[in-house]
């Protein structure tokens, strides 16, 4: 196990881009541990070593899958403890690659990682936008846990409570018929956002919208700009499907919403909608 960690560290050091390393810190207000490897390169390194490890260690008997997942989660933990953005990115990527083996109980591991190892917007959004978001999509009953995050003193938990809902929105959007997607660039807005999509997607669509507004209500007047951007982004993504509902929500709450959250939320809306929203 230690061997592959050392190999990853060695390859990361070989791919340091000094110019990128110097400028990367400018994207963060807090001090962030950065090795200096560009994200596309990090993901290539991640894929290479995951494939290599899998070929050597994956069992032929699927009954041993749980053992393999445990081993990979242990490797993820070691990478997370190392603390650099690059190693954290690899850890979360490896976790996401196990999505077909996700179980509801994995929430306990993922929440621990979120609380212990996420310390900036990049790692928060990466984790919630991939592995943790996928877990929530598979087990939507876990949503109640996010309401606790929205009330946390930890700014990244509060941001995560909103950002994690972007993943199911995008999954639903990907599975919608093209004529049911709000195309704001052509000023086409669906008259109803409740009458299409069958089966499990229909149920999830209604629940996701309800959950989005619950989280937005809790975070509505949060003074942290990272949280404001997070829930504003959530509403913006939701407007791709729930255009009318999101616009009504914004109009109802625009006097309370911080300008940062408001501007994020209305970014994809038609010009006339945006003008109405920013009028005080």
C-alpha atoms as a PDB file:
ATOM      1  CA  UNK A   1       0.000   0.000   0.000  1.00  0.00           C
ATOM      2  CA  UNK A   2       2.776   2.405   0.911  1.00  0.00           C
ATOM      3  CA  UNK A   3       4.521   1.716  -2.409  1.00  0.00           C
ATOM      4  CA  UNK A   4       1.756   3.164  -4.564  1.00  0.00           C
ATOM      5  CA  UNK A   5       1.511   6.260  -2.363  1.00  0.00           C
ATOM      6  CA  UNK A   6       5.241   6.866  -2.822  1.00  0.00           C
ATOM      7  CA  UNK A   7       4.926   6.337  -6.582  1.00  0.00           C
ATOM      8  CA  UNK A   8       2.109   8.888  -6.775  1.00  0.00           C
ATOM      9  CA  UNK A   9       4.091  11.437  -4.766  1.00  0.00           C
ATOM     10  CA  UNK A  10       7.132  10.888  -6.988  1.00  0.00           C
ATOM     11  CA  UNK A  11       5.152  11.376 -10.187  1.00  0.00           C
ATOM     12  CA  UNK A  12       3.466  14.491  -8.842  1.00  0.00           C
ATOM     13  CA  UNK A  13       6.870  16.013  -8.058  1.00  0.00           C
ATOM     14  CA  UNK A  14       8.037  15.211 -11.595  1.00  0.00           C
ATOM     15  CA  UNK A  15       5.121  17.176 -13.045  1.00  0.00           C
ATOM     16  CA  UNK A  16       5.403  20.404 -11.067  1.00  0.00           C
ATOM     17  CA  UNK A  17       4.673  23.505 -13.132  1.00  0.00           C
ATOM     18  CA  UNK A  18       6.386  26.377 -11.308  1.00  0.00           C
ATOM     19  CA  UNK A  19       4.390  29.068 -13.096  1.00  0.00           C
ATOM     20  CA  UNK A  20       1.112  27.350 -12.215  1.00  0.00           C
ATOM     21  CA  UNK A  21       2.252  26.778  -8.629  1.00  0.00           C
ATOM     22  CA  UNK A  22       3.063  30.453  -8.205  1.00  0.00           C
ATOM     23  CA  UNK A  23      -0.327  31.603  -9.472  1.00  0.00           C
ATOM     24  CA  UNK A  24      -2.559  28.871  -8.016  1.00  0.00           C
ATOM     25  CA  UNK A  25      -2.531  30.334  -4.504  1.00  0.00           C
ATOM     26  CA  UNK A  26      -4.191  33.475  -5.866  1.00  0.00           C
ATOM     27  CA  UNK A  27      -7.430  31.525  -6.305  1.00  0.00           C
ATOM     28  CA  UNK A  28      -7.718  31.025  -2.542  1.00  0.00           C
ATOM     29  CA  UNK A  29      -8.082  33.452   0.338  1.00  0.00           C
ATOM     30  CA  UNK A  30      -6.781  30.901   2.829  1.00  0.00           C
ATOM     31  CA  UNK A  31      -3.358  29.249   2.754  1.00  0.00           C
ATOM     32  CA  UNK A  32      -3.569  26.099   0.626  1.00  0.00           C
ATOM     33  CA  UNK A  33      -0.992  23.318   0.292  1.00  0.00           C
ATOM     34  CA  UNK A  34      -0.246  23.095  -3.421  1.00  0.00           C
ATOM     35  CA  UNK A  35       2.420  20.912  -5.037  1.00  0.00           C
ATOM     36  CA  UNK A  36       2.047  22.755  -8.330  1.00  0.00           C
ATOM     37  CA  UNK A  37       0.613  20.194 -10.756  1.00  0.00           C
ATOM     38  CA  UNK A  38      -2.158  21.249 -13.115  1.00  0.00           C
ATOM     39  CA  UNK A  39      -5.476  19.493 -12.492  1.00  0.00           C
ATOM     40  CA  UNK A  40      -5.722  17.711 -15.895  1.00  0.00           C
ATOM     41  CA  UNK A  41      -2.276  16.230 -15.234  1.00  0.00           C
ATOM     42  CA  UNK A  42      -3.311  15.242 -11.702  1.00  0.00           C
ATOM     43  CA  UNK A  43      -6.327  13.388 -13.086  1.00  0.00           C
ATOM     44  CA  UNK A  44      -4.164  11.529 -15.617  1.00  0.00           C
ATOM     45  CA  UNK A  45      -1.813  10.464 -12.828  1.00  0.00           C
ATOM     46  CA  UNK A  46      -4.816   9.406 -10.757  1.00  0.00           C
ATOM     47  CA  UNK A  47      -6.278   7.286 -13.564  1.00  0.00           C
ATOM     48  CA  UNK A  48      -2.922   5.692 -14.360  1.00  0.00           C
ATOM     49  CA  UNK A  49      -2.225   4.562 -10.805  1.00  0.00           C
ATOM     50  CA  UNK A  50      -5.797   3.484 -10.107  1.00  0.00           C
ATOM     51  CA  UNK A  51      -5.719   1.277 -13.207  1.00  0.00           C
ATOM     52  CA  UNK A  52      -2.314  -0.114 -12.270  1.00  0.00           C
ATOM     53  CA  UNK A  53      -3.373  -0.877  -8.693  1.00  0.00           C
ATOM     54  CA  UNK A  54      -6.660  -2.417  -9.861  1.00  0.00           C
ATOM     55  CA  UNK A  55      -4.974  -4.802 -12.284  1.00  0.00           C
ATOM     56  CA  UNK A  56      -2.740  -6.088  -9.532  1.00  0.00           C
ATOM     57  CA  UNK A  57      -5.283  -6.221  -6.737  1.00  0.00           C
ATOM     58  CA  UNK A  58      -8.832  -6.593  -8.044  1.00  0.00           C
ATOM     59  CA  UNK A  59     -10.169 -10.087  -7.255  1.00  0.00           C
ATOM     60  CA  UNK A  60     -11.849 -12.298  -9.803  1.00  0.00           C
ATOM     61  CA  UNK A  61     -14.523 -13.092  -7.228  1.00  0.00           C
ATOM     62  CA  UNK A  62     -16.992 -10.212  -6.840  1.00  0.00           C
ATOM     63  CA  UNK A  63     -17.629 -11.399  -3.280  1.00  0.00           C
ATOM     64  CA  UNK A  64     -14.360  -9.741  -2.365  1.00  0.00           C
ATOM     65  CA  UNK A  65     -15.435  -6.343  -3.707  1.00  0.00           C
ATOM     66  CA  UNK A  66     -16.077  -4.993  -0.219  1.00  0.00           C
ATOM     67  CA  UNK A  67     -12.520  -5.869   0.780  1.00  0.00           C
ATOM     68  CA  UNK A  68     -11.127  -4.045  -2.258  1.00  0.00           C
ATOM     69  CA  UNK A  69     -13.270  -0.984  -1.532  1.00  0.00           C
ATOM     70  CA  UNK A  70     -11.989  -0.928   2.025  1.00  0.00           C
ATOM     71  CA  UNK A  71      -8.397  -1.111   0.756  1.00  0.00           C
ATOM     72  CA  UNK A  72      -8.951   1.738  -1.683  1.00  0.00           C
ATOM     73  CA  UNK A  73     -10.654   3.845   0.983  1.00  0.00           C
ATOM     74  CA  UNK A  74      -7.582   3.257   3.167  1.00  0.00           C
ATOM     75  CA  UNK A  75      -5.378   4.502   0.328  1.00  0.00           C
ATOM     76  CA  UNK A  76      -7.664   7.518  -0.043  1.00  0.00           C
ATOM     77  CA  UNK A  77      -7.281   8.255   3.656  1.00  0.00           C
ATOM     78  CA  UNK A  78      -3.482   8.250   3.336  1.00  0.00           C
ATOM     79  CA  UNK A  79      -3.637  10.642   0.407  1.00  0.00           C
ATOM     80  CA  UNK A  80      -6.047  12.898   2.280  1.00  0.00           C
ATOM     81  CA  UNK A  81      -3.757  12.998   5.300  1.00  0.00           C
ATOM     82  CA  UNK A  82      -0.926  14.183   3.038  1.00  0.00           C
ATOM     83  CA  UNK A  83      -3.016  17.306   2.608  1.00  0.00           C
ATOM     84  CA  UNK A  84      -1.998  18.793  -0.744  1.00  0.00           C
ATOM     85  CA  UNK A  85      -4.774  19.763  -3.141  1.00  0.00           C
ATOM     86  CA  UNK A  86      -3.345  17.359  -5.706  1.00  0.00           C
ATOM     87  CA  UNK A  87      -3.348  14.355  -3.367  1.00  0.00           C
ATOM     88  CA  UNK A  88      -6.822  15.217  -2.112  1.00  0.00           C
ATOM     89  CA  UNK A  89      -8.015  15.387  -5.733  1.00  0.00           C
ATOM     90  CA  UNK A  90      -6.642  11.889  -6.384  1.00  0.00           C
ATOM     91  CA  UNK A  91      -8.267  10.521  -3.219  1.00  0.00           C
ATOM     92  CA  UNK A  92     -11.692  11.869  -4.173  1.00  0.00           C
ATOM     93  CA  UNK A  93     -11.256  10.644  -7.754  1.00  0.00           C
ATOM     94  CA  UNK A  94     -10.496   7.123  -6.556  1.00  0.00           C
ATOM     95  CA  UNK A  95     -13.544   7.164  -4.295  1.00  0.00           C
ATOM     96  CA  UNK A  96     -15.719   8.242  -7.242  1.00  0.00           C
ATOM     97  CA  UNK A  97     -14.385   5.358  -9.349  1.00  0.00           C
ATOM     98  CA  UNK A  98     -15.992   2.995  -6.834  1.00  0.00           C
ATOM     99  CA  UNK A  99     -19.484   4.443  -7.361  1.00  0.00           C
ATOM    100  CA  UNK A 100     -20.941   1.110  -8.491  1.00  0.00           C
ATOM    101  CA  UNK A 101     -20.034  -0.297  -5.082  1.00  0.00           C
ATOM    102  CA  UNK A 102     -21.413   2.566  -3.009  1.00  0.00           C
ATOM    103  CA  UNK A 103     -23.525   1.651   0.006  1.00  0.00           C
ATOM    104  CA  UNK A 104     -25.584   3.900   2.210  1.00  0.00           C
ATOM    105  CA  UNK A 105     -23.165   3.253   5.081  1.00  0.00           C
ATOM    106  CA  UNK A 106     -20.368   4.933   3.074  1.00  0.00           C
ATOM    107  CA  UNK A 107     -21.923   8.192   4.224  1.00  0.00           C
ATOM    108  CA  UNK A 108     -20.096   7.864   7.539  1.00  0.00           C
ATOM    109  CA  UNK A 109     -16.712   7.659   5.802  1.00  0.00           C
ATOM    110  CA  UNK A 110     -17.464  10.483   3.389  1.00  0.00           C
ATOM    111  CA  UNK A 111     -18.809  12.800   6.066  1.00  0.00           C
ATOM    112  CA  UNK A 112     -15.681  12.207   8.131  1.00  0.00           C
ATOM    113  CA  UNK A 113     -13.544  13.125   5.124  1.00  0.00           C
ATOM    114  CA  UNK A 114     -15.619  16.239   4.500  1.00  0.00           C
ATOM    115  CA  UNK A 115     -15.241  17.443   8.076  1.00  0.00           C
ATOM    116  CA  UNK A 116     -11.597  16.491   8.487  1.00  0.00           C
ATOM    117  CA  UNK A 117      -9.921  17.077   5.123  1.00  0.00           C
ATOM    118  CA  UNK A 118     -11.906  19.647   3.147  1.00  0.00           C
ATOM    119  CA  UNK A 119     -10.448  23.083   3.791  1.00  0.00           C
ATOM    120  CA  UNK A 120     -11.071  25.139   0.640  1.00  0.00           C
ATOM    121  CA  UNK A 121     -13.677  25.665  -2.075  1.00  0.00           C
ATOM    122  CA  UNK A 122     -11.837  23.530  -4.652  1.00  0.00           C
ATOM    123  CA  UNK A 123     -11.751  20.341  -2.591  1.00  0.00           C
ATOM    124  CA  UNK A 124     -15.280  20.987  -1.301  1.00  0.00           C
ATOM    125  CA  UNK A 125     -16.702  21.325  -4.805  1.00  0.00           C
ATOM    126  CA  UNK A 126     -14.698  18.408  -6.199  1.00  0.00           C
ATOM    127  CA  UNK A 127     -15.839  15.998  -3.488  1.00  0.00           C
ATOM    128  CA  UNK A 128     -19.474  17.120  -3.492  1.00  0.00           C
ATOM    129  CA  UNK A 129     -19.568  17.323  -7.275  1.00  0.00           C
ATOM    130  CA  UNK A 130     -18.390  13.756  -7.782  1.00  0.00           C
ATOM    131  CA  UNK A 131     -18.082  10.992  -5.164  1.00  0.00           C
ATOM    132  CA  UNK A 132     -20.215  12.450  -2.366  1.00  0.00           C
ATOM    133  CA  UNK A 133     -22.767  13.836  -4.818  1.00  0.00           C
ATOM    134  CA  UNK A 134     -23.105  10.410  -6.441  1.00  0.00           C
ATOM    135  CA  UNK A 135     -23.700   8.808  -3.048  1.00  0.00           C
ATOM    136  CA  UNK A 136     -26.528  11.288  -2.391  1.00  0.00           C
ATOM    137  CA  UNK A 137     -28.000  10.621  -5.816  1.00  0.00           C
ATOM    138  CA  UNK A 138     -28.068   6.885  -5.127  1.00  0.00           C
ATOM    139  CA  UNK A 139     -29.453   7.334  -1.606  1.00  0.00           C
ATOM    140  CA  UNK A 140     -31.558  10.541  -1.595  1.00  0.00           C
ATOM    141  CA  UNK A 141     -32.838   9.754   1.893  1.00  0.00           C
ATOM    142  CA  UNK A 142     -29.444  10.967   3.127  1.00  0.00           C
ATOM    143  CA  UNK A 143     -30.557  14.535   2.409  1.00  0.00           C
ATOM    144  CA  UNK A 144     -31.682  15.122   5.987  1.00  0.00           C
ATOM    145  CA  UNK A 145     -28.035  14.989   7.005  1.00  0.00           C
ATOM    146  CA  UNK A 146     -27.226  18.061   4.911  1.00  0.00           C
ATOM    147  CA  UNK A 147     -29.594  20.246   6.912  1.00  0.00           C
ATOM    148  CA  UNK A 148     -27.217  19.769   9.846  1.00  0.00           C
ATOM    149  CA  UNK A 149     -24.308  20.893   7.670  1.00  0.00           C
ATOM    150  CA  UNK A 150     -26.197  24.035   6.657  1.00  0.00           C
ATOM    151  CA  UNK A 151     -26.298  25.066  10.323  1.00  0.00           C
ATOM    152  CA  UNK A 152     -22.668  24.189  11.064  1.00  0.00           C
ATOM    153  CA  UNK A 153     -20.009  26.668  12.191  1.00  0.00           C
ATOM    154  CA  UNK A 154     -17.748  25.125   9.531  1.00  0.00           C
ATOM    155  CA  UNK A 155     -18.051  27.245   6.377  1.00  0.00           C
ATOM    156  CA  UNK A 156     -17.158  24.295   4.125  1.00  0.00           C
ATOM    157  CA  UNK A 157     -19.913  22.142   5.585  1.00  0.00           C
ATOM    158  CA  UNK A 158     -22.375  24.959   4.956  1.00  0.00           C
ATOM    159  CA  UNK A 159     -21.149  25.361   1.385  1.00  0.00           C
ATOM    160  CA  UNK A 160     -21.254  21.574   0.922  1.00  0.00           C
ATOM    161  CA  UNK A 161     -24.914  21.443   1.985  1.00  0.00           C
ATOM    162  CA  UNK A 162     -25.757  23.410  -1.169  1.00  0.00           C
ATOM    163  CA  UNK A 163     -23.096  22.277  -3.636  1.00  0.00           C
ATOM    164  CA  UNK A 164     -23.860  18.593  -3.063  1.00  0.00           C
ATOM    165  CA  UNK A 165     -27.347  19.138  -4.537  1.00  0.00           C
ATOM    166  CA  UNK A 166     -25.872  20.312  -7.839  1.00  0.00           C
ATOM    167  CA  UNK A 167     -24.837  16.753  -8.725  1.00  0.00           C
ATOM    168  CA  UNK A 168     -28.378  15.270  -8.701  1.00  0.00           C
ATOM    169  CA  UNK A 169     -29.650  18.302 -10.629  1.00  0.00           C
ATOM    170  CA  UNK A 170     -27.088  17.666 -13.363  1.00  0.00           C
ATOM    171  CA  UNK A 171     -27.839  13.938 -13.410  1.00  0.00           C
ATOM    172  CA  UNK A 172     -31.533  14.657 -13.846  1.00  0.00           C
ATOM    173  CA  UNK A 173     -30.789  17.264 -16.518  1.00  0.00           C
ATOM    174  CA  UNK A 174     -28.686  14.740 -18.419  1.00  0.00           C
ATOM    175  CA  UNK A 175     -31.633  12.326 -18.519  1.00  0.00           C
ATOM    176  CA  UNK A 176     -34.287  14.822 -19.623  1.00  0.00           C
ATOM    177  CA  UNK A 177     -35.617  15.003 -23.194  1.00  0.00           C
ATOM    178  CA  UNK A 178     -33.939  17.897 -25.013  1.00  0.00           C
ATOM    179  CA  UNK A 179     -37.209  19.790 -25.494  1.00  0.00           C
ATOM    180  CA  UNK A 180     -37.782  19.865 -21.736  1.00  0.00           C
ATOM    181  CA  UNK A 181     -34.543  21.665 -20.902  1.00  0.00           C
ATOM    182  CA  UNK A 182     -34.736  25.408 -20.298  1.00  0.00           C
ATOM    183  CA  UNK A 183     -32.772  27.080 -23.085  1.00  0.00           C
ATOM    184  CA  UNK A 184     -32.281  30.589 -21.769  1.00  0.00           C
ATOM    185  CA  UNK A 185     -29.977  31.497 -24.650  1.00  0.00           C
ATOM    186  CA  UNK A 186     -33.022  31.257 -26.905  1.00  0.00           C
ATOM    187  CA  UNK A 187     -35.346  32.693 -24.227  1.00  0.00           C
ATOM    188  CA  UNK A 188     -37.289  29.432 -24.223  1.00  0.00           C
ATOM    189  CA  UNK A 189     -38.687  28.595 -20.825  1.00  0.00           C
ATOM    190  CA  UNK A 190     -40.877  25.579 -20.162  1.00  0.00           C
ATOM    191  CA  UNK A 191     -44.392  26.331 -18.957  1.00  0.00           C
ATOM    192  CA  UNK A 192     -44.327  23.463 -16.524  1.00  0.00           C
ATOM    193  CA  UNK A 193     -41.385  21.824 -14.835  1.00  0.00           C
ATOM    194  CA  UNK A 194     -43.370  19.131 -13.106  1.00  0.00           C
ATOM    195  CA  UNK A 195     -44.993  17.121 -15.859  1.00  0.00           C
ATOM    196  CA  UNK A 196     -42.181  15.164 -17.496  1.00  0.00           C
ATOM    197  CA  UNK A 197     -39.705  12.382 -16.685  1.00  0.00           C
ATOM    198  CA  UNK A 198     -40.907   9.004 -15.534  1.00  0.00           C
ATOM    199  CA  UNK A 199     -40.304   6.632 -12.655  1.00  0.00           C
ATOM    200  CA  UNK A 200     -37.479   7.260 -10.245  1.00  0.00           C
ATOM    201  CA  UNK A 201     -36.373  10.441 -12.029  1.00  0.00           C
ATOM    202  CA  UNK A 202     -39.831  11.963 -11.616  1.00  0.00           C
ATOM    203  CA  UNK A 203     -39.754  11.304  -7.880  1.00  0.00           C
ATOM    204  CA  UNK A 204     -36.206  12.564  -7.518  1.00  0.00           C
ATOM    205  CA  UNK A 205     -36.954  15.747  -9.465  1.00  0.00           C
ATOM    206  CA  UNK A 206     -39.675  16.769  -7.044  1.00  0.00           C
ATOM    207  CA  UNK A 207     -37.611  15.874  -4.009  1.00  0.00           C
ATOM    208  CA  UNK A 208     -34.498  17.636  -5.272  1.00  0.00           C
ATOM    209  CA  UNK A 209     -36.375  20.893  -5.827  1.00  0.00           C
ATOM    210  CA  UNK A 210     -37.908  20.699  -2.371  1.00  0.00           C
ATOM    211  CA  UNK A 211     -34.493  20.047  -0.840  1.00  0.00           C
ATOM    212  CA  UNK A 212     -32.848  22.865  -2.780  1.00  0.00           C
ATOM    213  CA  UNK A 213     -35.278  25.389  -1.356  1.00  0.00           C
ATOM    214  CA  UNK A 214     -34.926  23.981   2.173  1.00  0.00           C
ATOM    215  CA  UNK A 215     -31.164  24.478   2.046  1.00  0.00           C
ATOM    216  CA  UNK A 216     -31.482  27.901   0.424  1.00  0.00           C
ATOM    217  CA  UNK A 217     -33.859  28.947   3.220  1.00  0.00           C
ATOM    218  CA  UNK A 218     -31.321  27.970   5.882  1.00  0.00           C
ATOM    219  CA  UNK A 219     -28.403  29.663   4.100  1.00  0.00           C
ATOM    220  CA  UNK A 220     -30.401  32.651   2.849  1.00  0.00           C
ATOM    221  CA  UNK A 221     -28.718  35.377   4.937  1.00  0.00           C
ATOM    222  CA  UNK A 222     -25.381  33.658   5.576  1.00  0.00           C
ATOM    223  CA  UNK A 223     -22.638  36.310   5.756  1.00  0.00           C
ATOM    224  CA  UNK A 224     -19.841  34.103   4.378  1.00  0.00           C
ATOM    225  CA  UNK A 225     -19.198  34.823   0.694  1.00  0.00           C
ATOM    226  CA  UNK A 226     -18.073  31.227   0.032  1.00  0.00           C
ATOM    227  CA  UNK A 227     -21.431  30.006   1.317  1.00  0.00           C
ATOM    228  CA  UNK A 228     -23.342  32.677  -0.618  1.00  0.00           C
ATOM    229  CA  UNK A 229     -21.590  31.653  -3.829  1.00  0.00           C
ATOM    230  CA  UNK A 230     -22.307  28.009  -3.050  1.00  0.00           C
ATOM    231  CA  UNK A 231     -26.057  28.308  -2.621  1.00  0.00           C
ATOM    232  CA  UNK A 232     -26.304  30.868  -5.414  1.00  0.00           C
ATOM    233  CA  UNK A 233     -24.573  28.377  -7.698  1.00  0.00           C
ATOM    234  CA  UNK A 234     -27.009  25.676  -6.558  1.00  0.00           C
ATOM    235  CA  UNK A 235     -29.971  27.866  -7.534  1.00  0.00           C
ATOM    236  CA  UNK A 236     -28.338  28.742 -10.861  1.00  0.00           C
ATOM    237  CA  UNK A 237     -27.921  25.074 -11.759  1.00  0.00           C
ATOM    238  CA  UNK A 238     -31.467  24.339 -10.620  1.00  0.00           C
ATOM    239  CA  UNK A 239     -32.781  27.044 -12.953  1.00  0.00           C
ATOM    240  CA  UNK A 240     -31.781  24.845 -15.906  1.00  0.00           C
ATOM    241  CA  UNK A 241     -34.695  22.580 -14.991  1.00  0.00           C
ATOM    242  CA  UNK A 242     -36.892  24.414 -12.492  1.00  0.00           C
ATOM    243  CA  UNK A 243     -36.762  27.823 -14.192  1.00  0.00           C
ATOM    244  CA  UNK A 244     -40.106  29.235 -13.048  1.00  0.00           C
ATOM    245  CA  UNK A 245     -39.812  27.914  -9.502  1.00  0.00           C
ATOM    246  CA  UNK A 246     -36.303  29.284  -9.004  1.00  0.00           C
ATOM    247  CA  UNK A 247     -37.284  32.671 -10.410  1.00  0.00           C
ATOM    248  CA  UNK A 248     -40.289  32.846  -8.071  1.00  0.00           C
ATOM    249  CA  UNK A 249     -38.055  31.880  -5.150  1.00  0.00           C
ATOM    250  CA  UNK A 250     -35.567  34.608  -6.012  1.00  0.00           C
ATOM    251  CA  UNK A 251     -38.284  37.248  -6.391  1.00  0.00           C
ATOM    252  CA  UNK A 252     -39.803  36.244  -3.069  1.00  0.00           C
ATOM    253  CA  UNK A 253     -36.477  36.437  -1.230  1.00  0.00           C
ATOM    254  CA  UNK A 254     -34.450  39.012  -3.172  1.00  0.00           C
ATOM    255  CA  UNK A 255     -34.674  41.650  -0.437  1.00  0.00           C
ATOM    256  CA  UNK A 256     -33.045  39.260   2.031  1.00  0.00           C
ATOM    257  CA  UNK A 257     -30.541  37.555  -0.268  1.00  0.00           C
ATOM    258  CA  UNK A 258     -26.984  38.907  -0.273  1.00  0.00           C
ATOM    259  CA  UNK A 259     -26.120  40.415  -3.672  1.00  0.00           C
ATOM    260  CA  UNK A 260     -23.457  37.767  -4.275  1.00  0.00           C
ATOM    261  CA  UNK A 261     -25.932  34.897  -3.892  1.00  0.00           C
ATOM    262  CA  UNK A 262     -28.554  36.747  -5.936  1.00  0.00           C
ATOM    263  CA  UNK A 263     -26.224  37.423  -8.864  1.00  0.00           C
ATOM    264  CA  UNK A 264     -25.052  33.817  -8.959  1.00  0.00           C
ATOM    265  CA  UNK A 265     -28.640  32.529  -8.840  1.00  0.00           C
ATOM    266  CA  UNK A 266     -29.915  34.620 -11.762  1.00  0.00           C
ATOM    267  CA  UNK A 267     -26.847  34.361 -13.998  1.00  0.00           C
ATOM    268  CA  UNK A 268     -28.438  32.010 -16.562  1.00  0.00           C
ATOM    269  CA  UNK A 269     -31.877  33.618 -16.567  1.00  0.00           C
ATOM    270  CA  UNK A 270     -33.215  35.773 -19.437  1.00  0.00           C
ATOM    271  CA  UNK A 271     -32.223  39.437 -19.338  1.00  0.00           C
ATOM    272  CA  UNK A 272     -35.702  40.654 -18.392  1.00  0.00           C
ATOM    273  CA  UNK A 273     -35.830  38.204 -15.475  1.00  0.00           C
ATOM    274  CA  UNK A 274     -32.417  39.337 -14.248  1.00  0.00           C
ATOM    275  CA  UNK A 275     -33.494  42.968 -14.391  1.00  0.00           C
ATOM    276  CA  UNK A 276     -36.599  42.247 -12.323  1.00  0.00           C
ATOM    277  CA  UNK A 277     -34.552  40.296  -9.797  1.00  0.00           C
ATOM    278  CA  UNK A 278     -31.960  43.023  -9.180  1.00  0.00           C
ATOM    279  CA  UNK A 279     -34.556  45.774  -8.806  1.00  0.00           C
ATOM    280  CA  UNK A 280     -34.890  46.549  -5.130  1.00  0.00           C
END
